[in-house]
Protein backbone atom coordinates (compact mmCIF):
# COMPACT_ATOMS: atom_id res chain seq x y z
CA MET A 1 8.76 25.73 -4.31
CA LEU A 2 11.72 23.47 -3.49
CA ASN A 3 14.21 26.20 -4.44
CA ASN A 4 12.80 28.47 -1.74
CA VAL A 5 12.97 25.82 1.01
CA LEU A 6 16.16 23.81 0.42
CA ASN A 7 19.80 24.96 0.51
CA PRO A 8 22.17 24.05 -2.38
CA ASN A 9 23.36 20.80 -0.74
CA GLU A 10 19.80 19.77 0.02
CA LYS A 11 18.79 20.58 -3.57
CA LYS A 12 21.34 18.04 -4.82
CA LYS A 13 19.88 15.47 -2.45
CA ALA A 14 16.37 16.39 -3.60
CA LYS A 15 17.32 15.64 -7.21
CA VAL A 16 18.62 12.21 -6.19
CA VAL A 17 15.42 11.56 -4.22
CA LEU A 18 13.16 12.61 -7.08
CA ARG A 19 15.12 10.56 -9.64
CA LEU A 20 14.52 7.47 -7.53
CA ALA A 21 11.03 8.31 -6.25
CA VAL A 22 9.21 9.67 -9.32
CA PRO A 23 9.03 6.31 -11.18
CA THR A 24 7.72 4.68 -8.00
CA VAL A 25 5.14 7.45 -7.56
CA ILE A 26 4.00 6.96 -11.15
CA GLU A 27 3.89 3.18 -10.65
CA ASN A 28 1.79 3.49 -7.49
CA LEU A 29 -0.41 6.10 -9.14
CA LEU A 30 -1.15 3.70 -11.98
CA ILE A 31 -1.98 0.92 -9.51
CA THR A 32 -4.33 3.30 -7.71
CA ILE A 33 -5.96 4.35 -10.97
CA VAL A 34 -6.71 0.69 -11.62
CA GLY A 35 -8.32 0.37 -8.16
CA PHE A 36 -10.26 3.56 -8.89
CA VAL A 37 -11.44 2.24 -12.27
CA ASP A 38 -12.24 -1.14 -10.68
CA THR A 39 -14.47 0.55 -8.11
CA LEU A 40 -16.00 2.81 -10.77
CA PHE A 41 -16.88 -0.16 -12.98
CA VAL A 42 -18.25 -2.22 -10.08
CA SER A 43 -20.30 0.75 -8.83
CA LYS A 44 -22.17 0.68 -12.15
CA ILE A 45 -23.49 -2.76 -11.15
CA GLY A 46 -24.64 -1.55 -7.72
CA LEU A 47 -23.63 -0.34 -4.24
CA HIS A 48 -23.94 -3.87 -2.82
CA GLU A 49 -21.28 -4.99 -5.29
CA VAL A 50 -19.09 -2.07 -4.14
CA SER A 51 -19.48 -3.28 -0.55
CA ALA A 52 -18.68 -6.89 -1.54
CA VAL A 53 -15.46 -5.88 -3.31
CA GLY A 54 -14.55 -3.42 -0.55
CA ILE A 55 -15.02 -5.87 2.31
CA THR A 56 -13.15 -8.60 0.42
CA ASN A 57 -10.29 -6.27 -0.44
CA ALA A 58 -10.03 -5.32 3.24
CA ILE A 59 -9.04 -8.96 3.86
CA ILE A 60 -6.85 -9.19 0.75
CA ALA A 61 -5.13 -6.03 2.00
CA ILE A 62 -3.86 -8.04 4.98
CA TYR A 63 -2.24 -10.50 2.57
CA ILE A 64 -0.65 -7.69 0.57
CA ALA A 65 0.50 -5.96 3.77
CA VAL A 66 2.44 -9.08 4.77
CA PHE A 67 3.97 -9.37 1.28
CA LEU A 68 5.01 -5.70 1.40
CA ALA A 69 6.45 -6.16 4.87
CA MET A 70 8.63 -9.03 3.62
CA GLY A 71 9.80 -6.63 0.93
CA ILE A 72 11.00 -4.26 3.64
CA GLY A 73 13.56 -6.77 4.91
CA THR A 74 14.53 -7.55 1.32
CA SER A 75 14.97 -3.89 0.41
CA SER A 76 16.91 -3.02 3.55
CA LEU A 77 19.40 -5.91 3.29
CA ILE A 78 19.91 -5.62 -0.48
CA ALA A 79 20.38 -1.82 -0.31
CA ARG A 80 22.94 -2.18 2.48
CA SER A 81 24.76 -4.97 0.61
CA ILE A 82 24.95 -2.90 -2.56
CA GLY A 83 26.08 0.14 -0.54
CA ALA A 84 28.92 -2.02 0.80
CA GLY A 85 29.70 -3.35 -2.71
CA GLU A 86 28.64 -6.95 -1.88
CA PHE A 87 26.68 -7.88 -5.00
CA ASP A 88 26.93 -11.67 -4.54
CA LYS A 89 25.40 -11.31 -1.11
CA ALA A 90 22.61 -9.16 -2.59
CA LYS A 91 21.83 -11.92 -5.11
CA LYS A 92 21.60 -14.56 -2.41
CA ILE A 93 19.30 -12.35 -0.33
CA ALA A 94 17.08 -11.77 -3.38
CA ARG A 95 16.87 -15.53 -4.02
CA GLN A 96 16.01 -16.40 -0.45
CA SER A 97 13.43 -13.63 -0.11
CA THR A 98 11.71 -15.04 -3.20
CA VAL A 99 11.53 -18.51 -1.63
CA ILE A 100 10.08 -17.08 1.59
CA SER A 101 7.57 -14.84 -0.22
CA GLY A 102 6.39 -17.67 -2.47
CA THR A 103 5.85 -19.92 0.55
CA ILE A 104 3.81 -17.24 2.33
CA GLY A 105 1.75 -16.72 -0.84
CA LEU A 106 0.89 -20.42 -0.97
CA ILE A 107 -0.12 -20.38 2.72
CA PHE A 108 -2.49 -17.45 2.18
CA GLY A 109 -3.94 -19.20 -0.86
CA MET A 110 -4.79 -22.22 1.31
CA ILE A 111 -6.32 -19.95 3.97
CA THR A 112 -8.58 -18.43 1.32
CA LEU A 113 -9.58 -21.84 -0.02
CA CYS A 114 -10.52 -23.19 3.41
CA LEU A 115 -11.79 -20.12 5.30
CA ALA A 116 -13.28 -17.68 2.78
CA GLU A 117 -16.84 -17.81 4.10
CA PRO A 118 -16.09 -17.52 7.86
CA LEU A 119 -13.65 -14.67 7.22
CA LEU A 120 -16.30 -12.70 5.33
CA ARG A 121 -19.00 -13.47 7.89
CA ASN A 122 -16.77 -12.22 10.69
CA MET A 123 -16.61 -8.93 8.81
CA GLY A 124 -20.33 -8.50 9.45
CA ILE A 125 -21.14 -8.82 5.75
CA GLU A 126 -24.85 -8.92 4.93
CA ASP A 127 -26.29 -12.16 3.56
CA ASP A 128 -27.22 -10.65 0.20
CA VAL A 129 -23.62 -9.43 -0.23
CA LEU A 130 -21.92 -12.64 1.02
CA ALA A 131 -22.30 -14.67 -2.19
CA MET A 132 -20.77 -11.90 -4.29
CA GLY A 133 -17.94 -11.46 -1.79
CA MET A 134 -17.20 -15.20 -1.86
CA VAL A 135 -16.86 -15.21 -5.66
CA TYR A 136 -14.48 -12.26 -5.68
CA PHE A 137 -12.46 -13.46 -2.68
CA GLU A 138 -11.77 -16.96 -4.00
CA ILE A 139 -10.73 -15.83 -7.49
CA VAL A 140 -8.33 -13.17 -6.15
CA GLY A 141 -7.19 -14.83 -2.92
CA ILE A 142 -6.46 -18.46 -3.83
CA PRO A 143 -3.68 -17.56 -6.33
CA ALA A 144 -2.10 -15.20 -3.74
CA ILE A 145 1.36 -16.45 -4.75
CA PHE A 146 1.18 -14.24 -7.87
CA THR A 147 0.73 -11.16 -5.70
CA ALA A 148 3.44 -12.29 -3.26
CA LEU A 149 6.07 -12.81 -5.94
CA MET A 150 5.11 -9.68 -7.91
CA THR A 151 5.54 -7.62 -4.73
CA ASN A 152 8.85 -9.29 -3.90
CA PHE A 153 10.31 -8.84 -7.39
CA GLY A 154 9.38 -5.15 -7.35
CA SER A 155 11.13 -4.71 -3.98
CA ILE A 156 14.27 -6.42 -5.30
CA LEU A 157 14.53 -4.14 -8.32
CA ARG A 158 13.81 -0.92 -6.39
CA SER A 159 16.30 -1.76 -3.63
CA ALA A 160 18.95 -2.11 -6.33
CA GLY A 161 18.15 1.42 -7.49
CA ASP A 162 15.98 0.39 -10.46
CA SER A 163 12.59 2.02 -10.10
CA LYS A 164 12.06 2.59 -13.83
CA ASN A 165 11.47 -1.01 -14.91
CA PRO A 166 8.84 -1.68 -12.20
CA MET A 167 7.15 1.50 -13.45
CA LYS A 168 7.20 0.24 -17.06
CA VAL A 169 5.72 -3.09 -15.98
CA SER A 170 3.06 -1.26 -13.99
CA ILE A 171 2.07 0.83 -17.00
CA TRP A 172 1.51 -2.24 -19.15
CA ILE A 173 -0.23 -4.45 -16.63
CA ASN A 174 -2.53 -1.64 -15.54
CA LEU A 175 -3.54 -0.86 -19.10
CA ILE A 176 -4.19 -4.58 -19.60
CA HIS A 177 -6.13 -4.65 -16.32
CA ILE A 178 -8.42 -1.80 -17.32
CA VAL A 179 -9.21 -3.42 -20.68
CA LEU A 180 -9.79 -6.83 -19.07
CA ASP A 181 -11.89 -5.21 -16.34
CA TYR A 182 -14.30 -3.64 -18.79
CA ILE A 183 -14.59 -6.70 -21.05
CA LEU A 184 -14.89 -9.30 -18.28
CA ILE A 185 -17.33 -7.23 -16.16
CA PHE A 186 -19.64 -5.91 -18.87
CA GLY A 187 -18.97 -8.31 -21.74
CA PHE A 188 -18.33 -7.78 -25.41
CA GLY A 189 -20.75 -8.03 -28.30
CA SER A 190 -23.47 -10.57 -27.50
CA TRP A 191 -21.64 -11.78 -24.36
CA SER A 192 -22.90 -10.06 -21.19
CA GLY A 193 -19.73 -10.57 -19.11
CA TRP A 194 -19.14 -12.06 -15.66
CA GLY A 195 -19.97 -9.08 -13.47
CA ILE A 196 -18.09 -9.06 -10.16
CA ALA A 197 -16.28 -12.31 -11.09
CA GLY A 198 -14.92 -10.53 -14.16
CA ALA A 199 -13.37 -7.84 -11.95
CA ALA A 200 -11.67 -10.57 -9.90
CA TRP A 201 -10.31 -12.42 -12.93
CA ALA A 202 -8.98 -9.19 -14.44
CA THR A 203 -7.05 -8.53 -11.23
CA THR A 204 -5.61 -12.05 -11.04
CA ILE A 205 -4.52 -12.16 -14.68
CA ALA A 206 -2.87 -8.73 -14.39
CA ARG A 207 -0.89 -9.86 -11.32
CA LEU A 208 0.31 -13.01 -13.08
CA ILE A 209 1.56 -10.93 -16.02
CA GLY A 210 3.21 -8.45 -13.66
CA MET A 211 4.99 -11.20 -11.73
CA THR A 212 6.40 -12.71 -14.94
CA ALA A 213 7.55 -9.38 -16.37
CA LEU A 214 9.32 -8.27 -13.18
CA TYR A 215 11.23 -11.57 -12.94
CA PHE A 216 12.34 -11.03 -16.55
CA TYR A 217 13.83 -7.64 -15.61
CA ILE A 218 15.58 -9.11 -12.57
CA GLN A 219 17.35 -11.58 -14.85
CA ARG A 220 18.71 -8.62 -16.83
CA SER A 221 19.91 -6.75 -13.73
CA ALA A 222 23.15 -6.75 -11.71
CA ILE A 223 21.53 -8.91 -9.02
CA SER A 224 20.05 -11.60 -11.27
CA PHE A 225 19.52 -14.98 -9.65
CA SER A 226 18.17 -18.40 -10.55
CA LEU A 227 15.42 -20.16 -8.64
CA LEU A 228 16.84 -23.51 -9.78
CA LYS A 229 20.17 -23.27 -7.93
CA GLY A 230 18.89 -24.03 -4.47
CA THR A 231 18.36 -21.62 -1.61
CA SER A 232 20.52 -19.36 0.55
CA LYS A 233 19.23 -20.41 3.95
CA GLU A 234 21.83 -18.42 5.86
CA TYR A 235 19.86 -15.26 5.00
CA THR A 236 16.50 -16.56 6.22
CA ILE A 237 17.03 -15.41 9.81
CA PRO A 238 18.37 -11.92 8.88
CA LEU A 239 15.43 -11.42 6.50
CA LEU A 240 12.90 -12.50 9.10
CA ALA A 241 14.63 -10.49 11.84
CA ILE A 242 14.06 -7.25 9.90
CA SER A 243 10.81 -8.19 8.22
CA GLY A 244 9.30 -9.85 11.30
CA PRO A 245 8.37 -6.63 13.16
CA ALA A 246 7.27 -5.12 9.82
CA VAL A 247 5.06 -8.15 9.15
CA ILE A 248 3.58 -7.80 12.64
CA GLU A 249 3.11 -4.07 12.06
CA ARG A 250 1.35 -4.53 8.72
CA PHE A 251 -0.67 -7.46 10.00
CA ILE A 252 -1.81 -5.53 13.07
CA MET A 253 -2.53 -2.50 10.92
CA ARG A 254 -4.65 -4.44 8.44
CA LEU A 255 -6.31 -6.48 11.17
CA GLY A 256 -7.21 -3.24 12.95
CA GLN A 257 -8.46 -1.74 9.70
CA LEU A 258 -10.46 -4.90 9.14
CA PHE A 259 -11.95 -4.55 12.61
CA TYR A 260 -12.92 -0.91 12.32
CA ALA A 261 -14.15 -1.53 8.75
CA GLY A 262 -16.51 -4.02 10.40
CA LEU A 263 -17.56 -1.27 12.82
CA ILE A 264 -18.27 1.07 9.89
CA VAL A 265 -20.32 -1.66 8.19
CA ARG A 266 -22.46 -1.77 11.34
CA ILE A 267 -23.12 1.98 11.11
CA GLY A 268 -24.81 1.35 7.76
CA THR A 269 -24.22 0.15 4.20
CA ASP A 270 -24.45 3.69 2.80
CA VAL A 271 -21.87 4.95 5.30
CA TYR A 272 -19.51 2.09 4.46
CA SER A 273 -20.00 2.62 0.72
CA ALA A 274 -19.23 6.33 1.16
CA PHE A 275 -16.15 5.44 3.22
CA LEU A 276 -14.93 3.09 0.46
CA LEU A 277 -15.57 5.60 -2.31
CA ALA A 278 -13.86 8.47 -0.47
CA GLY A 279 -11.03 6.10 0.48
CA ASN A 280 -10.44 5.12 -3.16
CA ILE A 281 -10.25 8.79 -4.13
CA SER A 282 -8.17 9.76 -1.09
CA TYR A 283 -5.67 7.00 -1.80
CA PHE A 284 -4.42 8.99 -4.80
CA SER A 285 -2.85 11.47 -2.39
CA TYR A 286 -0.81 8.69 -0.76
CA MET A 287 1.18 8.02 -3.94
CA PRO A 288 3.82 10.74 -3.43
CA GLY A 289 4.23 9.57 0.18
CA TYR A 290 4.61 5.91 -0.77
CA GLY A 291 7.05 6.73 -3.56
CA MET A 292 9.11 8.96 -1.28
CA GLY A 293 8.98 6.26 1.41
CA VAL A 294 10.53 3.75 -1.00
CA ALA A 295 13.20 6.30 -1.94
CA ALA A 296 13.91 7.03 1.74
CA ALA A 297 14.23 3.32 2.55
CA THR A 298 16.64 2.72 -0.35
CA LEU A 299 18.79 5.82 0.25
CA VAL A 300 18.93 5.52 4.03
CA GLY A 301 19.76 1.81 3.77
CA THR A 302 22.44 2.41 1.13
CA TYR A 303 24.21 5.18 3.06
CA ILE A 304 24.10 3.27 6.34
CA GLY A 305 25.65 0.32 4.49
CA ALA A 306 28.38 2.71 3.31
CA LYS A 307 28.92 3.92 6.96
CA ARG A 308 27.64 7.44 6.16
CA ARG A 309 24.95 7.94 8.79
CA ASN A 310 24.89 11.74 8.49
CA ASP A 311 24.04 11.52 4.78
CA ALA A 312 21.45 8.85 5.57
CA TYR A 313 19.77 11.17 8.08
CA HIS A 314 19.69 14.17 5.74
CA TYR A 315 18.35 12.13 2.84
CA GLY A 316 15.51 10.97 5.10
CA ILE A 317 14.66 14.53 6.16
CA VAL A 318 14.86 16.00 2.64
CA THR A 319 12.65 13.21 1.34
CA MET A 320 10.11 13.86 4.10
CA TRP A 321 9.80 17.59 3.32
CA ILE A 322 9.40 16.96 -0.40
CA ALA A 323 6.54 14.56 0.38
CA VAL A 324 4.94 17.06 2.79
CA MET A 325 4.92 19.78 0.13
CA LEU A 326 3.55 17.52 -2.59
CA MET A 327 0.82 15.99 -0.45
CA SER A 328 -0.20 19.36 1.03
CA PHE A 329 -0.82 20.56 -2.52
CA VAL A 330 -2.93 17.48 -3.19
CA GLY A 331 -4.87 18.24 0.00
CA VAL A 332 -5.75 21.68 -1.36
CA LEU A 333 -7.06 20.05 -4.55
CA TYR A 334 -9.12 17.57 -2.52
CA PHE A 335 -10.75 20.31 -0.48
CA THR A 336 -11.48 22.43 -3.55
CA PHE A 337 -12.88 19.72 -5.84
CA SER A 338 -14.41 17.33 -3.29
CA THR A 339 -17.96 17.98 -4.51
CA VAL A 340 -17.17 16.87 -8.06
CA VAL A 341 -16.11 13.24 -7.59
CA GLY A 342 -19.00 11.68 -5.64
CA PRO A 343 -21.46 11.82 -8.57
CA TRP A 344 -19.01 9.77 -10.68
CA PHE A 345 -19.86 6.73 -8.58
CA THR A 346 -23.47 7.14 -7.48
CA ASP A 347 -26.57 9.32 -7.69
CA ASN A 348 -27.37 8.70 -4.00
CA GLN A 349 -27.25 12.24 -2.60
CA ASP A 350 -26.57 11.14 0.98
CA VAL A 351 -23.56 9.09 -0.13
CA ILE A 352 -22.30 11.99 -2.28
CA GLU A 353 -22.44 14.37 0.69
CA MET A 354 -20.60 11.88 2.91
CA VAL A 355 -17.85 11.44 0.28
CA THR A 356 -17.43 15.22 0.08
CA LEU A 357 -17.19 15.59 3.85
CA GLY A 358 -14.69 12.74 4.16
CA LEU A 359 -12.39 14.21 1.51
CA ARG A 360 -12.46 17.66 3.08
CA ILE A 361 -11.47 16.33 6.48
CA ASP A 362 -8.77 14.16 4.91
CA ALA A 363 -7.33 17.21 3.12
CA PHE A 364 -6.11 18.63 6.43
CA ALA A 365 -4.36 15.34 7.34
CA GLN A 366 -2.18 15.22 4.20
CA PRO A 367 1.06 16.75 5.63
CA PHE A 368 1.00 14.32 8.55
CA ILE A 369 0.25 11.34 6.31
CA ALA A 370 3.29 12.34 4.22
CA MET A 371 5.54 12.47 7.28
CA SER A 372 4.31 9.10 8.52
CA LEU A 373 4.81 7.31 5.20
CA VAL A 374 8.30 8.65 4.54
CA LEU A 375 9.62 8.29 8.08
CA THR A 376 8.32 4.72 8.19
CA GLY A 377 10.30 3.94 5.03
CA ALA A 378 13.40 5.74 6.36
CA LEU A 379 13.34 3.82 9.65
CA GLN A 380 12.82 0.52 7.87
CA GLY A 381 15.72 1.28 5.53
CA ALA A 382 17.83 1.82 8.63
CA GLY A 383 16.76 -1.58 9.95
CA ASP A 384 14.40 -0.21 12.60
CA THR A 385 11.06 -1.92 11.99
CA LYS A 386 10.00 -1.86 15.63
CA GLY A 387 9.32 1.90 15.75
CA PRO A 388 6.73 1.78 12.93
CA MET A 389 5.26 -1.34 14.56
CA TYR A 390 4.74 0.45 17.88
CA SER A 391 3.14 3.47 16.20
CA THR A 392 0.82 1.22 14.19
CA ILE A 393 -0.32 -0.80 17.20
CA PHE A 394 -1.18 2.36 19.14
CA GLY A 395 -2.68 4.18 16.14
CA ILE A 396 -4.90 1.37 14.93
CA TRP A 397 -6.02 -0.31 18.14
CA VAL A 398 -6.17 2.69 20.47
CA ILE A 399 -6.76 5.81 18.37
CA ARG A 400 -8.85 4.36 15.53
CA VAL A 401 -10.86 1.57 17.13
CA VAL A 402 -11.56 3.44 20.37
CA GLY A 403 -12.03 6.68 18.44
CA ILE A 404 -14.68 5.18 16.17
CA TYR A 405 -16.57 3.80 19.15
CA ILE A 406 -16.55 7.24 20.79
CA LEU A 407 -17.14 9.52 17.80
CA CYS A 408 -19.38 7.29 15.68
CA PHE A 409 -21.39 5.30 18.20
CA TYR A 410 -21.43 7.60 21.25
CA PHE A 411 -21.49 11.02 19.56
CA THR A 412 -23.07 9.63 16.32
CA LEU A 413 -20.84 11.70 14.02
CA GLY A 414 -21.09 9.10 11.24
CA ILE A 415 -18.64 9.49 8.37
CA ALA A 416 -17.17 12.66 9.91
CA GLY A 417 -16.10 10.67 12.96
CA VAL A 418 -14.39 8.05 10.79
CA TRP A 419 -12.22 10.62 8.98
CA LEU A 420 -11.51 12.68 12.12
CA VAL A 421 -10.14 9.56 13.81
CA ASN A 422 -7.98 8.91 10.73
CA ALA A 423 -6.52 12.44 10.91
CA ILE A 424 -5.81 12.25 14.66
CA ASP A 425 -4.00 8.94 14.18
CA TYR A 426 -1.66 10.33 11.52
CA ILE A 427 -0.89 13.50 13.48
CA LEU A 428 0.21 11.54 16.55
CA ARG A 429 2.00 8.91 14.46
CA SER A 430 4.06 11.48 12.53
CA ILE A 431 5.27 13.13 15.77
CA PHE A 432 6.37 9.78 17.22
CA LEU A 433 8.12 8.61 14.04
CA PHE A 434 9.98 11.91 13.59
CA LYS A 435 11.44 11.67 17.10
CA ARG A 436 12.22 7.99 16.60
CA PHE A 437 14.06 8.58 13.31
CA LYS A 438 16.11 11.46 14.73
CA ASN A 439 17.17 9.47 17.78
CA HIS A 440 17.85 6.21 15.89
CA ILE A 441 19.83 7.53 12.95
CA THR A 442 22.02 10.03 14.81
CA ILE A 443 23.31 7.52 17.38
């Protein structure tokens, strides 16, 4: 397919993109498989447990969004430093980003410890689900520093052009996670397991192992650094200057998602469970887009650092079209096989039908989701984190929140309204980001 679309020069660029992106796609796919298995295992306990994990993870997703946003500043500055041949500078940036990320992780851990119950109650969680949500939230959220540092270390390695070792780490920790998940949830031999607490402990242990392994690979890389040699405070402001808008963007995005997740909860537990199940399945399609977004950020940042803006622009565009083709193909698969997956999780026929409908609507949004993910990464690699922030604020708080009120509460479209709003958001977002990238990079 690529041979029919790209010219010879673009084909060379496509090979570079794929060499960098494929390990990241595989890594993200493995992470998603773990989330899928996690939900599958928990669904065997009951739909209330699915809701408890889903609502809790909606809050945890805000934490992770902030950690990922800090990685954007890290990736952009390290990629540009390496592009300019300044490896010592790259090491100092990596060290300081680790200090900042670890501090943020500790802050979120304290927030979880002190505010777990009010945060869950503000989500509109039902009383019979609250206790389960509290157990899961505290086990996963208090040691948030593991997640923060694991995310940061992965960003450091990928921005230096090493996407293979994060993939290897992901393979191992995800295999470990699946095994731990099964044993700790359902037990082994005469031991009956810990249920939902077991799922939480499996996640936390896997993240601790992942954090340790990624730091080991950093020490073997060209940008190795020691945490015992002080800090590089002169890079704090540059890191925050780039990551700040990205942190705001991710925080607003997750806060908005948290808010409209609360709206979906109010439609009904079955609707929210169907939304979570379809979302877990749909998230598989995002993996090519996320992987290509990381590749776009690294390549665009590197070529801008080398003063080659034209190459940076074309790498961003080539990466976007590869993602569009891959995710469009996944959309066809979703539409075709949407009726098969619902029964894996539940025998509730209403929920199965809602999952099927959600996946079929989401299938048509795949090309626009691909554009949004890649162009966001490309802009962030170029140091423009404000454009994605603007698109997120408008998409989440205007399109999604207002859209759910109109389609789900006024027109009572239920799950169809939720997924239609999602599609409209990505269509408008992709148009805005495309224009923003073209104008920003060709200046």
